[in-house]
Amino acid sequence: MKPEFTDEENFVIAYYRDKKASSSTRSVMTDGVRVLVAIGFAIYSLLAEDVLWGLIAFGILLFSECRNMMTTARYIRIYRSIFDKYALALEQEDGGRENGGD
């Protein structure tokens, strides 16, 4: 039996099938740019003795981490659902084989 997936689950599955879109390099680069910009602002804050740029650097990192946490919270539910559906389908398939199926 093939599992039935929701639109969100199909989106995640399609995303990870596309090696270019889901590459770790892309993810690291996206987060890395934010970190580098924040480090740049922090260094400028120290050199210019201007606290505002340090606060901006902190804000960038805070925004980035909050965004990552919210995304993780959203997608972990979707991943769990996908894995549960695949596990159930595999159990049913194995059960059918044991009971005289293929």
PDB file of N, CA and C in Angstrom:
ATOM      1  N   MET A   1       0.846  -1.188   0.000  1.00  0.00           N
ATOM      2  CA  MET A   1       0.000   0.000   0.000  1.00  0.00           C
ATOM      3  C   MET A   1       0.888   1.246   0.000  1.00  0.00           C
ATOM      4  N   LYS A   2       0.573   2.146  -0.884  1.00  0.00           N
ATOM      5  CA  LYS A   2       1.327   3.405  -0.959  1.00  0.00           C
ATOM      6  C   LYS A   2       0.697   4.425  -0.010  1.00  0.00           C
ATOM      7  N   PRO A   3       1.528   5.082   0.817  1.00  0.00           N
ATOM      8  CA  PRO A   3       0.976   6.057   1.770  1.00  0.00           C
ATOM      9  C   PRO A   3       0.357   7.260   1.056  1.00  0.00           C
ATOM     10  N   GLU A   4      -0.695   7.798   1.646  1.00  0.00           N
ATOM     11  CA  GLU A   4      -1.318   9.034   1.159  1.00  0.00           C
ATOM     12  C   GLU A   4      -0.721  10.204   1.948  1.00  0.00           C
ATOM     13  N   PHE A   5      -0.204  11.188   1.242  1.00  0.00           N
ATOM     14  CA  PHE A   5       0.433  12.324   1.890  1.00  0.00           C
ATOM     15  C   PHE A   5      -0.381  13.601   1.700  1.00  0.00           C
ATOM     16  N   THR A   6      -0.266  14.504   2.678  1.00  0.00           N
ATOM     17  CA  THR A   6      -0.904  15.811   2.591  1.00  0.00           C
ATOM     18  C   THR A   6      -0.088  16.695   1.641  1.00  0.00           C
ATOM     19  N   ASP A   7      -0.610  17.857   1.320  1.00  0.00           N
ATOM     20  CA  ASP A   7       0.119  18.787   0.453  1.00  0.00           C
ATOM     21  C   ASP A   7       1.447  19.207   1.095  1.00  0.00           C
ATOM     22  N   GLU A   8       1.428  19.466   2.409  1.00  0.00           N
ATOM     23  CA  GLU A   8       2.670  19.842   3.107  1.00  0.00           C
ATOM     24  C   GLU A   8       3.704  18.726   3.022  1.00  0.00           C
ATOM     25  N   GLU A   9       3.260  17.501   3.232  1.00  0.00           N
ATOM     26  CA  GLU A   9       4.169  16.362   3.181  1.00  0.00           C
ATOM     27  C   GLU A   9       4.719  16.168   1.777  1.00  0.00           C
ATOM     28  N   ASN A  10       3.864  16.303   0.769  1.00  0.00           N
ATOM     29  CA  ASN A  10       4.332  16.199  -0.617  1.00  0.00           C
ATOM     30  C   ASN A  10       5.340  17.286  -0.948  1.00  0.00           C
ATOM     31  N   PHE A  11       5.132  18.489  -0.412  1.00  0.00           N
ATOM     32  CA  PHE A  11       6.080  19.583  -0.627  1.00  0.00           C
ATOM     33  C   PHE A  11       7.451  19.222  -0.055  1.00  0.00           C
ATOM     34  N   VAL A  12       7.480  18.702   1.179  1.00  0.00           N
ATOM     35  CA  VAL A  12       8.743  18.341   1.827  1.00  0.00           C
ATOM     36  C   VAL A  12       9.437  17.215   1.063  1.00  0.00           C
ATOM     37  N   ILE A  13       8.674  16.220   0.660  1.00  0.00           N
ATOM     38  CA  ILE A  13       9.247  15.100  -0.087  1.00  0.00           C
ATOM     39  C   ILE A  13       9.839  15.594  -1.402  1.00  0.00           C
ATOM     40  N   ALA A  14       9.112  16.441  -2.125  1.00  0.00           N
ATOM     41  CA  ALA A  14       9.609  16.981  -3.395  1.00  0.00           C
ATOM     42  C   ALA A  14      10.856  17.837  -3.176  1.00  0.00           C
ATOM     43  N   TYR A  15      10.864  18.598  -2.097  1.00  0.00           N
ATOM     44  CA  TYR A  15      12.019  19.454  -1.790  1.00  0.00           C
ATOM     45  C   TYR A  15      13.270  18.606  -1.604  1.00  0.00           C
ATOM     46  N   TYR A  16      13.170  17.530  -0.851  1.00  0.00           N
ATOM     47  CA  TYR A  16      14.346  16.707  -0.590  1.00  0.00           C
ATOM     48  C   TYR A  16      14.725  15.815  -1.756  1.00  0.00           C
ATOM     49  N   ARG A  17      13.819  15.605  -2.684  1.00  0.00           N
ATOM     50  CA  ARG A  17      14.175  14.872  -3.905  1.00  0.00           C
ATOM     51  C   ARG A  17      15.013  15.740  -4.835  1.00  0.00           C
ATOM     52  N   ASP A  18      14.833  17.054  -4.755  1.00  0.00           N
ATOM     53  CA  ASP A  18      15.607  17.986  -5.576  1.00  0.00           C
ATOM     54  C   ASP A  18      16.948  18.240  -4.886  1.00  0.00           C
ATOM     55  N   LYS A  19      17.990  17.578  -5.365  1.00  0.00           N
ATOM     56  CA  LYS A  19      19.301  17.657  -4.712  1.00  0.00           C
ATOM     57  C   LYS A  19      19.864  19.079  -4.702  1.00  0.00           C
ATOM     58  N   LYS A  20      19.555  19.843  -5.722  1.00  0.00           N
ATOM     59  CA  LYS A  20      20.067  21.212  -5.790  1.00  0.00           C
ATOM     60  C   LYS A  20      19.413  22.106  -4.731  1.00  0.00           C
ATOM     61  N   ALA A  21      18.106  22.004  -4.592  1.00  0.00           N
ATOM     62  CA  ALA A  21      17.380  22.850  -3.641  1.00  0.00           C
ATOM     63  C   ALA A  21      17.682  22.465  -2.202  1.00  0.00           C
ATOM     64  N   SER A  22      17.851  21.177  -1.937  1.00  0.00           N
ATOM     65  CA  SER A  22      18.001  20.720  -0.557  1.00  0.00           C
ATOM     66  C   SER A  22      19.450  20.445  -0.166  1.00  0.00           C
ATOM     67  N   SER A  23      20.395  20.954  -0.927  1.00  0.00           N
ATOM     68  CA  SER A  23      21.801  20.673  -0.608  1.00  0.00           C
ATOM     69  C   SER A  23      22.216  21.344   0.696  1.00  0.00           C
ATOM     70  N   SER A  24      23.109  20.688   1.408  1.00  0.00           N
ATOM     71  CA  SER A  24      23.590  21.251   2.668  1.00  0.00           C
ATOM     72  C   SER A  24      24.389  22.527   2.409  1.00  0.00           C
ATOM     73  N   THR A  25      25.027  22.605   1.259  1.00  0.00           N
ATOM     74  CA  THR A  25      25.788  23.803   0.920  1.00  0.00           C
ATOM     75  C   THR A  25      24.879  25.022   0.871  1.00  0.00           C
ATOM     76  N   ARG A  26      23.718  24.870   0.276  1.00  0.00           N
ATOM     77  CA  ARG A  26      22.770  25.983   0.186  1.00  0.00           C
ATOM     78  C   ARG A  26      22.319  26.424   1.575  1.00  0.00           C
ATOM     79  N   SER A  27      22.034  25.461   2.425  1.00  0.00           N
ATOM     80  CA  SER A  27      21.596  25.781   3.778  1.00  0.00           C
ATOM     81  C   SER A  27      22.692  26.486   4.566  1.00  0.00           C
ATOM     82  N   VAL A  28      23.904  25.973   4.468  1.00  0.00           N
ATOM     83  CA  VAL A  28      25.039  26.575   5.181  1.00  0.00           C
ATOM     84  C   VAL A  28      25.303  27.981   4.656  1.00  0.00           C
ATOM     85  N   MET A  29      25.220  28.157   3.365  1.00  0.00           N
ATOM     86  CA  MET A  29      25.471  29.480   2.779  1.00  0.00           C
ATOM     87  C   MET A  29      24.417  30.491   3.249  1.00  0.00           C
ATOM     88  N   THR A  30      23.162  30.085   3.277  1.00  0.00           N
ATOM     89  CA  THR A  30      22.091  30.989   3.699  1.00  0.00           C
ATOM     90  C   THR A  30      22.301  31.436   5.140  1.00  0.00           C
ATOM     91  N   ASP A  31      22.536  30.479   6.032  1.00  0.00           N
ATOM     92  CA  ASP A  31      22.765  30.824   7.438  1.00  0.00           C
ATOM     93  C   ASP A  31      24.117  31.486   7.627  1.00  0.00           C
ATOM     94  N   GLY A  32      25.098  31.050   6.861  1.00  0.00           N
ATOM     95  CA  GLY A  32      26.443  31.602   6.973  1.00  0.00           C
ATOM     96  C   GLY A  32      26.508  33.077   6.626  1.00  0.00           C
ATOM     97  N   VAL A  33      25.746  33.493   5.642  1.00  0.00           N
ATOM     98  CA  VAL A  33      25.736  34.906   5.255  1.00  0.00           C
ATOM     99  C   VAL A  33      25.223  35.761   6.412  1.00  0.00           C
ATOM    100  N   ARG A  34      24.165  35.304   7.057  1.00  0.00           N
ATOM    101  CA  ARG A  34      23.635  36.059   8.202  1.00  0.00           C
ATOM    102  C   ARG A  34      24.674  36.168   9.319  1.00  0.00           C
ATOM    103  N   VAL A  35      25.352  35.074   9.587  1.00  0.00           N
ATOM    104  CA  VAL A  35      26.365  35.084  10.644  1.00  0.00           C
ATOM    105  C   VAL A  35      27.517  36.013  10.278  1.00  0.00           C
ATOM    106  N   LEU A  36      27.975  35.949   9.040  1.00  0.00           N
ATOM    107  CA  LEU A  36      29.074  36.821   8.613  1.00  0.00           C
ATOM    108  C   LEU A  36      28.692  38.298   8.670  1.00  0.00           C
ATOM    109  N   VAL A  37      27.474  38.615   8.274  1.00  0.00           N
ATOM    110  CA  VAL A  37      27.012  40.005   8.350  1.00  0.00           C
ATOM    111  C   VAL A  37      26.959  40.453   9.810  1.00  0.00           C
ATOM    112  N   ALA A  38      26.451  39.593  10.683  1.00  0.00           N
ATOM    113  CA  ALA A  38      26.380  39.934  12.110  1.00  0.00           C
ATOM    114  C   ALA A  38      27.780  40.123  12.692  1.00  0.00           C
ATOM    115  N   ILE A  39      28.715  39.254  12.322  1.00  0.00           N
ATOM    116  CA  ILE A  39      30.096  39.406  12.797  1.00  0.00           C
ATOM    117  C   ILE A  39      30.684  40.718  12.295  1.00  0.00           C
ATOM    118  N   GLY A  40      30.406  41.040  11.047  1.00  0.00           N
ATOM    119  CA  GLY A  40      30.884  42.307  10.493  1.00  0.00           C
ATOM    120  C   GLY A  40      30.351  43.503  11.271  1.00  0.00           C
ATOM    121  N   PHE A  41      29.063  43.482  11.578  1.00  0.00           N
ATOM    122  CA  PHE A  41      28.478  44.573  12.368  1.00  0.00           C
ATOM    123  C   PHE A  41      29.057  44.619  13.780  1.00  0.00           C
ATOM    124  N   ALA A  42      29.297  43.454  14.364  1.00  0.00           N
ATOM    125  CA  ALA A  42      29.865  43.407  15.714  1.00  0.00           C
ATOM    126  C   ALA A  42      31.284  43.983  15.721  1.00  0.00           C
ATOM    127  N   ILE A  43      32.070  43.622  14.736  1.00  0.00           N
ATOM    128  CA  ILE A  43      33.434  44.163  14.636  1.00  0.00           C
ATOM    129  C   ILE A  43      33.384  45.669  14.428  1.00  0.00           C
ATOM    130  N   TYR A  44      32.506  46.111  13.536  1.00  0.00           N
ATOM    131  CA  TYR A  44      32.365  47.549  13.303  1.00  0.00           C
ATOM    132  C   TYR A  44      31.937  48.265  14.583  1.00  0.00           C
ATOM    133  N   SER A  45      31.051  47.625  15.338  1.00  0.00           N
ATOM    134  CA  SER A  45      30.591  48.199  16.606  1.00  0.00           C
ATOM    135  C   SER A  45      31.766  48.418  17.563  1.00  0.00           C
ATOM    136  N   LEU A  46      32.665  47.448  17.615  1.00  0.00           N
ATOM    137  CA  LEU A  46      33.834  47.577  18.488  1.00  0.00           C
ATOM    138  C   LEU A  46      34.801  48.647  17.987  1.00  0.00           C
ATOM    139  N   LEU A  47      35.041  48.646  16.680  1.00  0.00           N
ATOM    140  CA  LEU A  47      35.991  49.608  16.107  1.00  0.00           C
ATOM    141  C   LEU A  47      35.463  51.041  16.183  1.00  0.00           C
ATOM    142  N   ALA A  48      34.191  51.215  15.931  1.00  0.00           N
ATOM    143  CA  ALA A  48      33.600  52.555  15.930  1.00  0.00           C
ATOM    144  C   ALA A  48      33.132  52.977  17.318  1.00  0.00           C
ATOM    145  N   GLU A  49      33.219  52.043  18.259  1.00  0.00           N
ATOM    146  CA  GLU A  49      32.738  52.287  19.622  1.00  0.00           C
ATOM    147  C   GLU A  49      31.289  52.780  19.613  1.00  0.00           C
ATOM    148  N   ASP A  50      30.484  52.067  18.825  1.00  0.00           N
ATOM    149  CA  ASP A  50      29.070  52.409  18.672  1.00  0.00           C
ATOM    150  C   ASP A  50      28.236  51.170  19.008  1.00  0.00           C
ATOM    151  N   VAL A  51      27.549  51.208  20.107  1.00  0.00           N
ATOM    152  CA  VAL A  51      26.780  50.063  20.607  1.00  0.00           C
ATOM    153  C   VAL A  51      25.650  49.684  19.647  1.00  0.00           C
ATOM    154  N   LEU A  52      25.112  50.645  18.921  1.00  0.00           N
ATOM    155  CA  LEU A  52      23.991  50.376  18.030  1.00  0.00           C
ATOM    156  C   LEU A  52      24.305  49.250  17.048  1.00  0.00           C
ATOM    157  N   TRP A  53      25.511  49.262  16.470  1.00  0.00           N
ATOM    158  CA  TRP A  53      25.875  48.229  15.499  1.00  0.00           C
ATOM    159  C   TRP A  53      25.993  46.865  16.176  1.00  0.00           C
ATOM    160  N   GLY A  54      26.403  46.837  17.418  1.00  0.00           N
ATOM    161  CA  GLY A  54      26.429  45.585  18.175  1.00  0.00           C
ATOM    162  C   GLY A  54      25.024  45.056  18.411  1.00  0.00           C
ATOM    163  N   LEU A  55      24.098  45.957  18.699  1.00  0.00           N
ATOM    164  CA  LEU A  55      22.704  45.549  18.875  1.00  0.00           C
ATOM    165  C   LEU A  55      22.105  45.033  17.565  1.00  0.00           C
ATOM    166  N   ILE A  56      22.481  45.668  16.476  1.00  0.00           N
ATOM    167  CA  ILE A  56      22.013  45.201  15.163  1.00  0.00           C
ATOM    168  C   ILE A  56      22.558  43.798  14.897  1.00  0.00           C
ATOM    169  N   ALA A  57      23.830  43.575  15.211  1.00  0.00           N
ATOM    170  CA  ALA A  57      24.432  42.251  15.032  1.00  0.00           C
ATOM    171  C   ALA A  57      23.680  41.222  15.874  1.00  0.00           C
ATOM    172  N   PHE A  58      23.400  41.560  17.125  1.00  0.00           N
ATOM    173  CA  PHE A  58      22.656  40.665  18.003  1.00  0.00           C
ATOM    174  C   PHE A  58      21.261  40.402  17.439  1.00  0.00           C
ATOM    175  N   GLY A  59      20.614  41.443  16.939  1.00  0.00           N
ATOM    176  CA  GLY A  59      19.275  41.297  16.357  1.00  0.00           C
ATOM    177  C   GLY A  59      19.263  40.364  15.161  1.00  0.00           C
ATOM    178  N   ILE A  60      20.285  40.460  14.326  1.00  0.00           N
ATOM    179  CA  ILE A  60      20.379  39.576  13.158  1.00  0.00           C
ATOM    180  C   ILE A  60      20.491  38.122  13.614  1.00  0.00           C
ATOM    181  N   LEU A  61      21.359  37.874  14.590  1.00  0.00           N
ATOM    182  CA  LEU A  61      21.525  36.508  15.094  1.00  0.00           C
ATOM    183  C   LEU A  61      20.263  36.019  15.790  1.00  0.00           C
ATOM    184  N   LEU A  62      19.620  36.889  16.554  1.00  0.00           N
ATOM    185  CA  LEU A  62      18.394  36.513  17.243  1.00  0.00           C
ATOM    186  C   LEU A  62      17.295  36.173  16.239  1.00  0.00           C
ATOM    187  N   PHE A  63      17.128  37.020  15.232  1.00  0.00           N
ATOM    188  CA  PHE A  63      16.135  36.769  14.186  1.00  0.00           C
ATOM    189  C   PHE A  63      16.415  35.444  13.495  1.00  0.00           C
ATOM    190  N   SER A  64      17.671  35.209  13.141  1.00  0.00           N
ATOM    191  CA  SER A  64      18.048  33.990  12.445  1.00  0.00           C
ATOM    192  C   SER A  64      17.745  32.753  13.284  1.00  0.00           C
ATOM    193  N   GLU A  65      18.086  32.811  14.560  1.00  0.00           N
ATOM    194  CA  GLU A  65      17.847  31.654  15.430  1.00  0.00           C
ATOM    195  C   GLU A  65      16.357  31.436  15.669  1.00  0.00           C
ATOM    196  N   CYS A  66      15.603  32.488  15.869  1.00  0.00           N
ATOM    197  CA  CYS A  66      14.146  32.353  16.044  1.00  0.00           C
ATOM    198  C   CYS A  66      13.510  31.753  14.797  1.00  0.00           C
ATOM    199  N   ARG A  67      13.956  32.197  13.644  1.00  0.00           N
ATOM    200  CA  ARG A  67      13.446  31.675  12.378  1.00  0.00           C
ATOM    201  C   ARG A  67      13.767  30.184  12.255  1.00  0.00           C
ATOM    202  N   ASN A  68      14.989  29.803  12.595  1.00  0.00           N
ATOM    203  CA  ASN A  68      15.377  28.397  12.532  1.00  0.00           C
ATOM    204  C   ASN A  68      14.568  27.545  13.504  1.00  0.00           C
ATOM    205  N   MET A  69      14.318  28.052  14.704  1.00  0.00           N
ATOM    206  CA  MET A  69      13.548  27.296  15.692  1.00  0.00           C
ATOM    207  C   MET A  69      12.101  27.116  15.233  1.00  0.00           C
ATOM    208  N   MET A  70      11.500  28.157  14.683  1.00  0.00           N
ATOM    209  CA  MET A  70      10.118  28.055  14.213  1.00  0.00           C
ATOM    210  C   MET A  70      10.015  27.093  13.030  1.00  0.00           C
ATOM    211  N   THR A  71      10.988  27.152  12.134  1.00  0.00           N
ATOM    212  CA  THR A  71      10.995  26.258  10.985  1.00  0.00           C
ATOM    213  C   THR A  71      11.166  24.811  11.440  1.00  0.00           C
ATOM    214  N   THR A  72      12.065  24.595  12.389  1.00  0.00           N
ATOM    215  CA  THR A  72      12.279  23.252  12.917  1.00  0.00           C
ATOM    216  C   THR A  72      11.018  22.725  13.572  1.00  0.00           C
ATOM    217  N   ALA A  73      10.366  23.545  14.381  1.00  0.00           N
ATOM    218  CA  ALA A  73       9.128  23.127  15.052  1.00  0.00           C
ATOM    219  C   ALA A  73       8.051  22.762  14.040  1.00  0.00           C
ATOM    220  N   ARG A  74       7.984  23.510  12.954  1.00  0.00           N
ATOM    221  CA  ARG A  74       6.968  23.239  11.923  1.00  0.00           C
ATOM    222  C   ARG A  74       7.282  21.946  11.180  1.00  0.00           C
ATOM    223  N   TYR A  75       8.527  21.801  10.738  1.00  0.00           N
ATOM    224  CA  TYR A  75       8.864  20.674   9.886  1.00  0.00           C
ATOM    225  C   TYR A  75       9.049  19.366  10.642  1.00  0.00           C
ATOM    226  N   ILE A  76       9.369  19.405  11.915  1.00  0.00           N
ATOM    227  CA  ILE A  76       9.544  18.150  12.656  1.00  0.00           C
ATOM    228  C   ILE A  76       8.229  17.390  12.718  1.00  0.00           C
ATOM    229  N   ARG A  77       7.123  18.128  12.812  1.00  0.00           N
ATOM    230  CA  ARG A  77       5.799  17.499  12.804  1.00  0.00           C
ATOM    231  C   ARG A  77       5.540  16.827  11.449  1.00  0.00           C
ATOM    232  N   ILE A  78       5.932  17.499  10.367  1.00  0.00           N
ATOM    233  CA  ILE A  78       5.726  16.949   9.030  1.00  0.00           C
ATOM    234  C   ILE A  78       6.610  15.724   8.816  1.00  0.00           C
ATOM    235  N   TYR A  79       7.888  15.799   9.217  1.00  0.00           N
ATOM    236  CA  TYR A  79       8.795  14.651   9.079  1.00  0.00           C
ATOM    237  C   TYR A  79       8.252  13.439   9.837  1.00  0.00           C
ATOM    238  N   ARG A  80       7.807  13.675  11.070  1.00  0.00           N
ATOM    239  CA  ARG A  80       7.285  12.575  11.884  1.00  0.00           C
ATOM    240  C   ARG A  80       6.102  11.915  11.181  1.00  0.00           C
ATOM    241  N   SER A  81       5.222  12.720  10.615  1.00  0.00           N
ATOM    242  CA  SER A  81       4.055  12.184   9.924  1.00  0.00           C
ATOM    243  C   SER A  81       4.472  11.355   8.705  1.00  0.00           C
ATOM    244  N   ILE A  82       5.434  11.849   7.940  1.00  0.00           N
ATOM    245  CA  ILE A  82       5.919  11.112   6.766  1.00  0.00           C
ATOM    246  C   ILE A  82       6.518   9.778   7.204  1.00  0.00           C
ATOM    247  N   PHE A  83       7.378   9.797   8.221  1.00  0.00           N
ATOM    248  CA  PHE A  83       8.021   8.571   8.686  1.00  0.00           C
ATOM    249  C   PHE A  83       6.995   7.581   9.228  1.00  0.00           C
ATOM    250  N   ASP A  84       6.012   8.078   9.968  1.00  0.00           N
ATOM    251  CA  ASP A  84       4.970   7.193  10.499  1.00  0.00           C
ATOM    252  C   ASP A  84       4.181   6.524   9.373  1.00  0.00           C
ATOM    253  N   LYS A  85       3.849   7.291   8.337  1.00  0.00           N
ATOM    254  CA  LYS A  85       3.100   6.724   7.215  1.00  0.00           C
ATOM    255  C   LYS A  85       3.927   5.689   6.464  1.00  0.00           C
ATOM    256  N   TYR A  86       5.217   5.958   6.261  1.00  0.00           N
ATOM    257  CA  TYR A  86       6.075   4.974   5.596  1.00  0.00           C
ATOM    258  C   TYR A  86       6.238   3.723   6.455  1.00  0.00           C
ATOM    259  N   ALA A  87       6.407   3.901   7.763  1.00  0.00           N
ATOM    260  CA  ALA A  87       6.551   2.747   8.659  1.00  0.00           C
ATOM    261  C   ALA A  87       5.291   1.880   8.627  1.00  0.00           C
ATOM    262  N   LEU A  88       4.132   2.523   8.654  1.00  0.00           N
ATOM    263  CA  LEU A  88       2.876   1.782   8.607  1.00  0.00           C
ATOM    264  C   LEU A  88       2.744   1.028   7.275  1.00  0.00           C
ATOM    265  N   ALA A  89       3.092   1.685   6.176  1.00  0.00           N
ATOM    266  CA  ALA A  89       3.018   1.044   4.864  1.00  0.00           C
ATOM    267  C   ALA A  89       3.969  -0.150   4.792  1.00  0.00           C
ATOM    268  N   LEU A  90       5.171  -0.013   5.360  1.00  0.00           N
ATOM    269  CA  LEU A  90       6.128  -1.127   5.360  1.00  0.00           C
ATOM    270  C   LEU A  90       5.633  -2.286   6.221  1.00  0.00           C
ATOM    271  N   GLU A  91       5.042  -1.977   7.369  1.00  0.00           N
ATOM    272  CA  GLU A  91       4.493  -3.021   8.241  1.00  0.00           C
ATOM    273  C   GLU A  91       3.377  -3.771   7.527  1.00  0.00           C
ATOM    274  N   GLN A  92       2.510  -3.029   6.842  1.00  0.00           N
ATOM    275  CA  GLN A  92       1.408  -3.667   6.115  1.00  0.00           C
ATOM    276  C   GLN A  92       1.935  -4.517   4.979  1.00  0.00           C
ATOM    277  N   GLU A  93       2.966  -4.031   4.312  1.00  0.00           N
ATOM    278  CA  GLU A  93       3.564  -4.785   3.206  1.00  0.00           C
ATOM    279  C   GLU A  93       4.210  -6.066   3.729  1.00  0.00           C
ATOM    280  N   ASP A  94       4.941  -5.973   4.820  1.00  0.00           N
ATOM    281  CA  ASP A  94       5.581  -7.148   5.415  1.00  0.00           C
ATOM    282  C   ASP A  94       4.539  -8.107   5.956  1.00  0.00           C
ATOM    283  N   GLY A  95       3.473  -7.584   6.530  1.00  0.00           N
ATOM    284  CA  GLY A  95       2.393  -8.425   7.029  1.00  0.00           C
ATOM    285  C   GLY A  95       1.718  -9.208   5.917  1.00  0.00           C
ATOM    286  N   GLY A  96       1.552  -8.579   4.778  1.00  0.00           N
ATOM    287  CA  GLY A  96       0.946  -9.238   3.625  1.00  0.00           C
ATOM    288  C   GLY A  96       1.808 -10.346   3.100  1.00  0.00           C
ATOM    289  N   ARG A  97       3.102 -10.195   3.142  1.00  0.00           N
ATOM    290  CA  ARG A  97       4.031 -11.228   2.690  1.00  0.00           C
ATOM    291  C   ARG A  97       4.015 -12.425   3.626  1.00  0.00           C
ATOM    292  N   GLU A  98       3.913 -12.150   4.945  1.00  0.00           N
ATOM    293  CA  GLU A  98       3.935 -13.223   5.930  1.00  0.00           C
ATOM    294  C   GLU A  98       2.646 -14.033   5.880  1.00  0.00           C
ATOM    295  N   ASN A  99       1.564 -13.387   5.472  1.00  0.00           N
ATOM    296  CA  ASN A  99       0.259 -14.059   5.449  1.00  0.00           C
ATOM    297  C   ASN A  99      -0.064 -14.663   4.086  1.00  0.00           C
ATOM    298  N   GLY A 100       0.942 -15.015   3.315  1.00  0.00           N
ATOM    299  CA  GLY A 100       0.708 -15.673   2.034  1.00  0.00           C
ATOM    300  C   GLY A 100       0.700 -14.738   0.856  1.00  0.00           C
ATOM    301  N   GLY A 101       1.055 -13.496   1.055  1.00  0.00           N
ATOM    302  CA  GLY A 101       1.141 -12.550  -0.068  1.00  0.00           C
ATOM    303  C   GLY A 101       2.373 -12.838  -0.897  1.00  0.00           C
ATOM    304  N   ASP A 102       2.848 -11.868  -1.639  1.00  0.00           N
ATOM    305  CA  ASP A 102       4.009 -12.024  -2.533  1.00  0.00           C
ATOM    306  C   ASP A 102       5.032 -12.873  -1.950  1.00  0.00           C
TER     307      ASP A 102
END
